[in-house]
């Protein structure tokens, strides 16, 4: 994903509790209480909140996420927008899944996407806004990648490494400004999840439930009818067998 040429040591600290996590932060710095890890790229320091990470897979995801921050910000001296840093790190982390998909769908139609210019330098403090900020960053990065492809992303990194302004590097590769890309992103999301308001409306839900009820009723009725037909055929067959046996017995008696 990124041509990394990294020298030097990265310090990784793992805290056993929230108190220890807070105590491990560099002097004059603090970590949000909701965070599972935090990176200080200039200090090449990574701190994980191990007490709340329940599996090896989770801790590796958090580790990859924070390492991506350090690699990205040490790759160039130019300022990288926070939304790009988080989007890239979440992509690197490979975070996703069904739950995230539903959160994204809900977000797409609740107007809770945050404008990128508000995520330029920092993230909000409110937990819900933070979640929206991460989702916005992650999905916009994925959209950007679909536009410029990995080859284009390499070029962006190269331009930034050479000292080009980040936004101009994006423009040079994509031919579009961040504002134009953001408009395209919103349009693609609305198109992608255009069916969501239809299936989640109360009237549609009742129609679906009614249709389901009728379908179940018809299926049960058919099964009952088929069962009765089978029972009738079995009964007729049994009567035929009895009649045949009586006929044979009568024939033996006459002989």
C-alpha atoms as a PDB file:
ATOM      1  CA  UNK A   1       0.000   0.000   0.000  1.00  0.00           C
ATOM      2  CA  UNK A   2       2.727   2.482   0.918  1.00  0.00           C
ATOM      3  CA  UNK A   3       6.426   2.387  -0.036  1.00  0.00           C
ATOM      4  CA  UNK A   4       7.899   2.416   3.469  1.00  0.00           C
ATOM      5  CA  UNK A   5      11.518   3.229   4.119  1.00  0.00           C
ATOM      6  CA  UNK A   6      11.604   3.449   7.878  1.00  0.00           C
ATOM      7  CA  UNK A   7      14.613   3.636  10.107  1.00  0.00           C
ATOM      8  CA  UNK A   8      14.833   3.891  13.849  1.00  0.00           C
ATOM      9  CA  UNK A   9      13.016   2.339  16.750  1.00  0.00           C
ATOM     10  CA  UNK A  10       9.311   2.395  17.596  1.00  0.00           C
ATOM     11  CA  UNK A  11       8.435   2.148  21.275  1.00  0.00           C
ATOM     12  CA  UNK A  12       5.309   0.131  22.067  1.00  0.00           C
ATOM     13  CA  UNK A  13       3.710   0.267  25.507  1.00  0.00           C
ATOM     14  CA  UNK A  14       0.787  -1.901  26.630  1.00  0.00           C
ATOM     15  CA  UNK A  15      -1.283  -0.718  29.587  1.00  0.00           C
ATOM     16  CA  UNK A  16      -2.988  -3.150  31.942  1.00  0.00           C
ATOM     17  CA  UNK A  17      -5.687  -0.708  33.030  1.00  0.00           C
ATOM     18  CA  UNK A  18      -7.246   2.629  32.120  1.00  0.00           C
ATOM     19  CA  UNK A  19      -5.311   4.314  34.932  1.00  0.00           C
ATOM     20  CA  UNK A  20      -2.039   2.902  33.639  1.00  0.00           C
ATOM     21  CA  UNK A  21      -3.024   3.843  30.080  1.00  0.00           C
ATOM     22  CA  UNK A  22      -3.530   7.458  31.130  1.00  0.00           C
ATOM     23  CA  UNK A  23      -0.293   7.454  33.121  1.00  0.00           C
ATOM     24  CA  UNK A  24       1.718   6.187  30.140  1.00  0.00           C
ATOM     25  CA  UNK A  25       0.858   9.219  28.002  1.00  0.00           C
ATOM     26  CA  UNK A  26       3.742  11.634  27.366  1.00  0.00           C
ATOM     27  CA  UNK A  27       3.910  14.720  29.527  1.00  0.00           C
ATOM     28  CA  UNK A  28       1.388  17.310  28.430  1.00  0.00           C
ATOM     29  CA  UNK A  29      -0.613  14.761  26.399  1.00  0.00           C
ATOM     30  CA  UNK A  30      -3.784  12.814  27.125  1.00  0.00           C
ATOM     31  CA  UNK A  31      -5.679  10.049  25.336  1.00  0.00           C
ATOM     32  CA  UNK A  32      -9.469   9.935  24.868  1.00  0.00           C
ATOM     33  CA  UNK A  33     -11.053   7.524  27.363  1.00  0.00           C
ATOM     34  CA  UNK A  34     -12.807   5.687  24.502  1.00  0.00           C
ATOM     35  CA  UNK A  35      -9.569   4.968  22.615  1.00  0.00           C
ATOM     36  CA  UNK A  36      -8.051   1.474  22.461  1.00  0.00           C
ATOM     37  CA  UNK A  37      -4.685   2.790  21.398  1.00  0.00           C
ATOM     38  CA  UNK A  38      -2.889   5.974  20.482  1.00  0.00           C
ATOM     39  CA  UNK A  39       0.137   6.848  18.364  1.00  0.00           C
ATOM     40  CA  UNK A  40       2.576   9.724  18.707  1.00  0.00           C
ATOM     41  CA  UNK A  41       4.279   9.722  15.280  1.00  0.00           C
ATOM     42  CA  UNK A  42       6.879  12.386  16.068  1.00  0.00           C
ATOM     43  CA  UNK A  43       7.906  10.512  19.214  1.00  0.00           C
ATOM     44  CA  UNK A  44       7.597   7.147  17.444  1.00  0.00           C
ATOM     45  CA  UNK A  45       5.583   6.007  20.425  1.00  0.00           C
ATOM     46  CA  UNK A  46       2.594   3.670  20.398  1.00  0.00           C
ATOM     47  CA  UNK A  47       0.467   2.963  23.489  1.00  0.00           C
ATOM     48  CA  UNK A  48      -2.170   0.214  23.612  1.00  0.00           C
ATOM     49  CA  UNK A  49      -4.932  -0.213  26.166  1.00  0.00           C
ATOM     50  CA  UNK A  50      -4.496  -3.952  26.584  1.00  0.00           C
ATOM     51  CA  UNK A  51      -6.959  -4.389  29.444  1.00  0.00           C
ATOM     52  CA  UNK A  52      -9.981  -3.759  27.194  1.00  0.00           C
ATOM     53  CA  UNK A  53      -8.794  -5.729  24.169  1.00  0.00           C
ATOM     54  CA  UNK A  54     -10.311  -9.192  24.448  1.00  0.00           C
ATOM     55  CA  UNK A  55      -8.490 -11.179  21.765  1.00  0.00           C
ATOM     56  CA  UNK A  56      -5.157 -11.432  19.970  1.00  0.00           C
ATOM     57  CA  UNK A  57      -6.913 -10.518  16.724  1.00  0.00           C
ATOM     58  CA  UNK A  58      -8.247  -7.288  18.260  1.00  0.00           C
ATOM     59  CA  UNK A  59      -4.881  -6.280  19.657  1.00  0.00           C
ATOM     60  CA  UNK A  60      -3.228  -6.957  16.279  1.00  0.00           C
ATOM     61  CA  UNK A  61      -5.838  -4.801  14.526  1.00  0.00           C
ATOM     62  CA  UNK A  62      -5.236  -1.953  16.950  1.00  0.00           C
ATOM     63  CA  UNK A  63      -1.474  -2.403  16.570  1.00  0.00           C
ATOM     64  CA  UNK A  64      -1.703  -2.254  12.749  1.00  0.00           C
ATOM     65  CA  UNK A  65      -3.928   0.813  12.986  1.00  0.00           C
ATOM     66  CA  UNK A  66      -1.534   2.761  15.197  1.00  0.00           C
ATOM     67  CA  UNK A  67       1.562   1.618  13.282  1.00  0.00           C
ATOM     68  CA  UNK A  68      -0.043   2.931  10.088  1.00  0.00           C
ATOM     69  CA  UNK A  69      -0.271   6.364  11.723  1.00  0.00           C
ATOM     70  CA  UNK A  70       3.422   6.295  12.608  1.00  0.00           C
ATOM     71  CA  UNK A  71       4.541   5.099   9.162  1.00  0.00           C
ATOM     72  CA  UNK A  72       2.343   7.637   7.367  1.00  0.00           C
ATOM     73  CA  UNK A  73       3.394  10.660   9.385  1.00  0.00           C
ATOM     74  CA  UNK A  74       7.082   9.724   9.317  1.00  0.00           C
ATOM     75  CA  UNK A  75       6.941   9.273   5.556  1.00  0.00           C
ATOM     76  CA  UNK A  76       6.657  12.999   4.943  1.00  0.00           C
ATOM     77  CA  UNK A  77       7.212  16.211   6.857  1.00  0.00           C
ATOM     78  CA  UNK A  78       4.082  17.658   5.236  1.00  0.00           C
ATOM     79  CA  UNK A  79       0.885  17.887   7.282  1.00  0.00           C
ATOM     80  CA  UNK A  80      -1.511  15.010   6.571  1.00  0.00           C
ATOM     81  CA  UNK A  81      -5.243  15.698   7.166  1.00  0.00           C
ATOM     82  CA  UNK A  82      -6.644  13.780  10.107  1.00  0.00           C
ATOM     83  CA  UNK A  83      -9.408  12.239   7.989  1.00  0.00           C
ATOM     84  CA  UNK A  84      -6.836  10.784   5.577  1.00  0.00           C
ATOM     85  CA  UNK A  85      -4.645   9.515   8.402  1.00  0.00           C
ATOM     86  CA  UNK A  86      -7.582   7.743  10.063  1.00  0.00           C
ATOM     87  CA  UNK A  87      -9.028   6.494   6.782  1.00  0.00           C
ATOM     88  CA  UNK A  88      -5.676   5.080   5.713  1.00  0.00           C
ATOM     89  CA  UNK A  89      -5.082   3.508   9.142  1.00  0.00           C
ATOM     90  CA  UNK A  90      -8.525   1.892   9.222  1.00  0.00           C
ATOM     91  CA  UNK A  91      -7.983   0.534   5.720  1.00  0.00           C
ATOM     92  CA  UNK A  92      -4.581  -0.768   6.809  1.00  0.00           C
ATOM     93  CA  UNK A  93      -6.181  -2.295   9.875  1.00  0.00           C
ATOM     94  CA  UNK A  94      -8.802  -4.020   7.681  1.00  0.00           C
ATOM     95  CA  UNK A  95     -11.602  -3.079  10.006  1.00  0.00           C
ATOM     96  CA  UNK A  96     -15.056  -3.906   8.733  1.00  0.00           C
ATOM     97  CA  UNK A  97     -17.843  -6.439   8.898  1.00  0.00           C
ATOM     98  CA  UNK A  98     -21.630  -6.537   8.912  1.00  0.00           C
ATOM     99  CA  UNK A  99     -22.063  -4.288  11.957  1.00  0.00           C
ATOM    100  CA  UNK A 100     -20.023  -1.564  10.334  1.00  0.00           C
ATOM    101  CA  UNK A 101     -22.055  -1.954   7.138  1.00  0.00           C
ATOM    102  CA  UNK A 102     -25.312  -1.316   8.990  1.00  0.00           C
ATOM    103  CA  UNK A 103     -23.774   1.653  10.795  1.00  0.00           C
ATOM    104  CA  UNK A 104     -22.717   3.042   7.438  1.00  0.00           C
ATOM    105  CA  UNK A 105     -26.209   2.588   5.985  1.00  0.00           C
ATOM    106  CA  UNK A 106     -27.764   4.303   8.969  1.00  0.00           C
ATOM    107  CA  UNK A 107     -25.242   7.101   8.688  1.00  0.00           C
ATOM    108  CA  UNK A 108     -25.821   7.541   4.959  1.00  0.00           C
ATOM    109  CA  UNK A 109     -29.464   8.507   5.493  1.00  0.00           C
ATOM    110  CA  UNK A 110     -29.293  10.331   8.804  1.00  0.00           C
ATOM    111  CA  UNK A 111     -27.146  13.175   7.442  1.00  0.00           C
ATOM    112  CA  UNK A 112     -24.479  12.350  10.006  1.00  0.00           C
ATOM    113  CA  UNK A 113     -21.521  12.379   7.636  1.00  0.00           C
ATOM    114  CA  UNK A 114     -19.078  14.982   8.827  1.00  0.00           C
ATOM    115  CA  UNK A 115     -17.599  17.463   6.355  1.00  0.00           C
ATOM    116  CA  UNK A 116     -13.950  16.688   5.717  1.00  0.00           C
ATOM    117  CA  UNK A 117     -12.841  20.224   6.473  1.00  0.00           C
ATOM    118  CA  UNK A 118     -14.103  19.681  10.030  1.00  0.00           C
ATOM    119  CA  UNK A 119     -11.853  16.621  10.298  1.00  0.00           C
ATOM    120  CA  UNK A 120      -8.799  18.362   8.936  1.00  0.00           C
ATOM    121  CA  UNK A 121      -6.864  18.755  12.188  1.00  0.00           C
ATOM    122  CA  UNK A 122      -8.744  16.889  14.884  1.00  0.00           C
ATOM    123  CA  UNK A 123     -11.711  14.675  15.728  1.00  0.00           C
ATOM    124  CA  UNK A 124     -14.753  15.606  17.857  1.00  0.00           C
ATOM    125  CA  UNK A 125     -14.961  14.556  21.502  1.00  0.00           C
ATOM    126  CA  UNK A 126     -18.531  13.261  21.649  1.00  0.00           C
ATOM    127  CA  UNK A 127     -18.495   9.404  21.300  1.00  0.00           C
ATOM    128  CA  UNK A 128     -21.262   9.367  18.652  1.00  0.00           C
ATOM    129  CA  UNK A 129     -19.581  12.123  16.650  1.00  0.00           C
ATOM    130  CA  UNK A 130     -16.288  10.240  16.970  1.00  0.00           C
ATOM    131  CA  UNK A 131     -17.899   7.115  15.507  1.00  0.00           C
ATOM    132  CA  UNK A 132     -19.289   9.160  12.619  1.00  0.00           C
ATOM    133  CA  UNK A 133     -15.888  10.775  12.099  1.00  0.00           C
ATOM    134  CA  UNK A 134     -14.156   7.393  11.843  1.00  0.00           C
ATOM    135  CA  UNK A 135     -16.797   6.036   9.470  1.00  0.00           C
ATOM    136  CA  UNK A 136     -16.629   9.147   7.310  1.00  0.00           C
ATOM    137  CA  UNK A 137     -12.833   8.959   7.134  1.00  0.00           C
ATOM    138  CA  UNK A 138     -12.806   5.240   6.407  1.00  0.00           C
ATOM    139  CA  UNK A 139     -15.472   5.326   3.706  1.00  0.00           C
ATOM    140  CA  UNK A 140     -14.130   8.427   2.008  1.00  0.00           C
ATOM    141  CA  UNK A 141     -10.672   6.867   1.885  1.00  0.00           C
ATOM    142  CA  UNK A 142     -12.179   3.731   0.310  1.00  0.00           C
ATOM    143  CA  UNK A 143     -13.998   5.929  -2.231  1.00  0.00           C
ATOM    144  CA  UNK A 144     -10.801   7.866  -2.979  1.00  0.00           C
ATOM    145  CA  UNK A 145      -8.968   4.598  -3.506  1.00  0.00           C
ATOM    146  CA  UNK A 146     -11.670   3.440  -5.932  1.00  0.00           C
ATOM    147  CA  UNK A 147     -11.094   6.634  -7.930  1.00  0.00           C
ATOM    148  CA  UNK A 148      -7.292   6.813  -8.024  1.00  0.00           C
ATOM    149  CA  UNK A 149      -6.505   3.096  -7.453  1.00  0.00           C
ATOM    150  CA  UNK A 150      -3.435   1.889  -5.580  1.00  0.00           C
ATOM    151  CA  UNK A 151      -1.134   3.170  -8.330  1.00  0.00           C
ATOM    152  CA  UNK A 152      -2.564   6.651  -7.832  1.00  0.00           C
ATOM    153  CA  UNK A 153      -2.107   6.388  -4.084  1.00  0.00           C
ATOM    154  CA  UNK A 154       1.567   5.548  -4.592  1.00  0.00           C
ATOM    155  CA  UNK A 155       1.878   8.697  -6.715  1.00  0.00           C
ATOM    156  CA  UNK A 156       0.210  10.783  -3.998  1.00  0.00           C
ATOM    157  CA  UNK A 157       2.741   9.470  -1.476  1.00  0.00           C
ATOM    158  CA  UNK A 158       5.604  10.210  -3.868  1.00  0.00           C
ATOM    159  CA  UNK A 159       4.419  13.782  -4.480  1.00  0.00           C
ATOM    160  CA  UNK A 160       3.989  14.409  -0.754  1.00  0.00           C
ATOM    161  CA  UNK A 161       7.423  12.915  -0.100  1.00  0.00           C
ATOM    162  CA  UNK A 162       8.848  15.377  -2.627  1.00  0.00           C
ATOM    163  CA  UNK A 163       7.284  18.236  -0.663  1.00  0.00           C
ATOM    164  CA  UNK A 164       4.073  18.828  -2.593  1.00  0.00           C
ATOM    165  CA  UNK A 165       1.028  19.981  -0.610  1.00  0.00           C
ATOM    166  CA  UNK A 166      -1.190  16.990   0.197  1.00  0.00           C
ATOM    167  CA  UNK A 167      -4.387  18.381  -1.342  1.00  0.00           C
ATOM    168  CA  UNK A 168      -2.559  19.441  -4.476  1.00  0.00           C
ATOM    169  CA  UNK A 169      -1.034  15.961  -4.712  1.00  0.00           C
ATOM    170  CA  UNK A 170      -4.567  14.502  -4.622  1.00  0.00           C
ATOM    171  CA  UNK A 171      -5.659  16.976  -7.312  1.00  0.00           C
ATOM    172  CA  UNK A 172      -2.650  16.197  -9.472  1.00  0.00           C
ATOM    173  CA  UNK A 173      -3.395  12.470  -9.392  1.00  0.00           C
ATOM    174  CA  UNK A 174      -7.205  12.510  -9.565  1.00  0.00           C
ATOM    175  CA  UNK A 175      -7.787  15.729 -11.516  1.00  0.00           C
ATOM    176  CA  UNK A 176     -10.352  16.725  -8.876  1.00  0.00           C
ATOM    177  CA  UNK A 177     -10.282  18.860  -5.761  1.00  0.00           C
ATOM    178  CA  UNK A 178     -11.123  17.399  -2.354  1.00  0.00           C
ATOM    179  CA  UNK A 179     -14.454  19.257  -2.506  1.00  0.00           C
ATOM    180  CA  UNK A 180     -15.314  17.665  -5.871  1.00  0.00           C
ATOM    181  CA  UNK A 181     -14.282  14.235  -4.602  1.00  0.00           C
ATOM    182  CA  UNK A 182     -16.388  14.703  -1.477  1.00  0.00           C
ATOM    183  CA  UNK A 183     -19.451  15.537  -3.602  1.00  0.00           C
ATOM    184  CA  UNK A 184     -18.854  12.401  -5.661  1.00  0.00           C
ATOM    185  CA  UNK A 185     -18.506  10.398  -2.457  1.00  0.00           C
ATOM    186  CA  UNK A 186     -21.854  11.593  -1.079  1.00  0.00           C
ATOM    187  CA  UNK A 187     -23.541  10.844  -4.402  1.00  0.00           C
ATOM    188  CA  UNK A 188     -22.087   7.327  -4.551  1.00  0.00           C
ATOM    189  CA  UNK A 189     -23.196   6.563  -0.997  1.00  0.00           C
ATOM    190  CA  UNK A 190     -26.751   7.758  -1.638  1.00  0.00           C
ATOM    191  CA  UNK A 191     -26.925   5.643  -4.799  1.00  0.00           C
ATOM    192  CA  UNK A 192     -25.381   2.639  -3.067  1.00  0.00           C
ATOM    193  CA  UNK A 193     -27.924   2.660  -0.253  1.00  0.00           C
ATOM    194  CA  UNK A 194     -30.894   4.185  -2.072  1.00  0.00           C
ATOM    195  CA  UNK A 195     -33.020   1.137  -1.215  1.00  0.00           C
ATOM    196  CA  UNK A 196     -32.593   1.572   2.547  1.00  0.00           C
ATOM    197  CA  UNK A 197     -35.365   4.142   3.216  1.00  0.00           C
ATOM    198  CA  UNK A 198     -37.819   1.974   1.273  1.00  0.00           C
ATOM    199  CA  UNK A 199     -37.257  -1.233   3.220  1.00  0.00           C
ATOM    200  CA  UNK A 200     -37.027   0.505   6.590  1.00  0.00           C
ATOM    201  CA  UNK A 201     -40.234   2.566   6.312  1.00  0.00           C
ATOM    202  CA  UNK A 202     -43.144   1.491   8.562  1.00  0.00           C
ATOM    203  CA  UNK A 203     -45.593   1.077   5.653  1.00  0.00           C
ATOM    204  CA  UNK A 204     -43.166  -1.145   3.768  1.00  0.00           C
ATOM    205  CA  UNK A 205     -42.594  -3.182   6.914  1.00  0.00           C
ATOM    206  CA  UNK A 206     -46.321  -3.833   7.315  1.00  0.00           C
ATOM    207  CA  UNK A 207     -46.642  -4.769   3.644  1.00  0.00           C
ATOM    208  CA  UNK A 208     -43.766  -7.217   3.995  1.00  0.00           C
ATOM    209  CA  UNK A 209     -45.233  -8.711   7.175  1.00  0.00           C
ATOM    210  CA  UNK A 210     -48.683  -9.042   5.569  1.00  0.00           C
ATOM    211  CA  UNK A 211     -47.182 -10.653   2.463  1.00  0.00           C
ATOM    212  CA  UNK A 212     -45.191 -13.020   4.657  1.00  0.00           C
ATOM    213  CA  UNK A 213     -48.308 -13.940   6.650  1.00  0.00           C
ATOM    214  CA  UNK A 214     -50.297 -14.652   3.474  1.00  0.00           C
ATOM    215  CA  UNK A 215     -47.428 -16.706   2.060  1.00  0.00           C
ATOM    216  CA  UNK A 216     -47.151 -18.787   5.245  1.00  0.00           C
ATOM    217  CA  UNK A 217     -50.939 -19.267   5.292  1.00  0.00           C
ATOM    218  CA  UNK A 218     -50.993 -20.458   1.662  1.00  0.00           C
ATOM    219  CA  UNK A 219     -48.052 -22.813   2.206  1.00  0.00           C
ATOM    220  CA  UNK A 220     -49.659 -24.310   5.318  1.00  0.00           C
ATOM    221  CA  UNK A 221     -52.992 -24.668   3.526  1.00  0.00           C
ATOM    222  CA  UNK A 222     -51.325 -26.445   0.605  1.00  0.00           C
ATOM    223  CA  UNK A 223     -49.452 -28.757   2.954  1.00  0.00           C
ATOM    224  CA  UNK A 224     -52.685 -29.580   4.809  1.00  0.00           C
ATOM    225  CA  UNK A 225     -54.470 -30.209   1.505  1.00  0.00           C
ATOM    226  CA  UNK A 226     -51.642 -32.448   0.294  1.00  0.00           C
ATOM    227  CA  UNK A 227     -51.688 -34.325   3.597  1.00  0.00           C
ATOM    228  CA  UNK A 228     -55.456 -34.900   3.321  1.00  0.00           C
ATOM    229  CA  UNK A 229     -55.080 -36.147  -0.260  1.00  0.00           C
ATOM    230  CA  UNK A 230     -52.387 -38.591   0.824  1.00  0.00           C
ATOM    231  CA  UNK A 231     -54.571 -39.808   3.713  1.00  0.00           C
ATOM    232  CA  UNK A 232     -57.524 -40.230   1.326  1.00  0.00           C
ATOM    233  CA  UNK A 233     -55.406 -42.210  -1.135  1.00  0.00           C
ATOM    234  CA  UNK A 234     -54.076 -44.406   1.660  1.00  0.00           C
ATOM    235  CA  UNK A 235     -57.611 -44.999   2.902  1.00  0.00           C
ATOM    236  CA  UNK A 236     -58.858 -45.891  -0.603  1.00  0.00           C
ATOM    237  CA  UNK A 237     -55.917 -48.230  -1.087  1.00  0.00           C
ATOM    238  CA  UNK A 238     -56.664 -49.911   2.235  1.00  0.00           C
ATOM    239  CA  UNK A 239     -60.330 -50.366   1.262  1.00  0.00           C
ATOM    240  CA  UNK A 240     -59.274 -51.854  -2.079  1.00  0.00           C
ATOM    241  CA  UNK A 241     -56.979 -54.291  -0.291  1.00  0.00           C
ATOM    242  CA  UNK A 242     -59.784 -55.329   2.052  1.00  0.00           C
ATOM    243  CA  UNK A 243     -62.214 -55.767  -0.844  1.00  0.00           C
ATOM    244  CA  UNK A 244     -59.646 -57.810  -2.767  1.00  0.00           C
ATOM    245  CA  UNK A 245     -59.006 -60.026   0.234  1.00  0.00           C
ATOM    246  CA  UNK A 246     -62.718 -60.607   0.800  1.00  0.00           C
ATOM    247  CA  UNK A 247     -63.149 -61.477  -2.881  1.00  0.00           C
ATOM    248  CA  UNK A 248     -60.322 -63.994  -2.678  1.00  0.00           C
ATOM    249  CA  UNK A 249     -61.764 -65.517   0.496  1.00  0.00           C
ATOM    250  CA  UNK A 250     -65.199 -65.781  -1.115  1.00  0.00           C
ATOM    251  CA  UNK A 251     -63.651 -67.465  -4.141  1.00  0.00           C
ATOM    252  CA  UNK A 252     -61.891 -70.025  -1.968  1.00  0.00           C
ATOM    253  CA  UNK A 253     -65.180 -70.782  -0.166  1.00  0.00           C
ATOM    254  CA  UNK A 254     -67.034 -71.366  -3.450  1.00  0.00           C
ATOM    255  CA  UNK A 255     -64.364 -73.776  -4.633  1.00  0.00           C
END
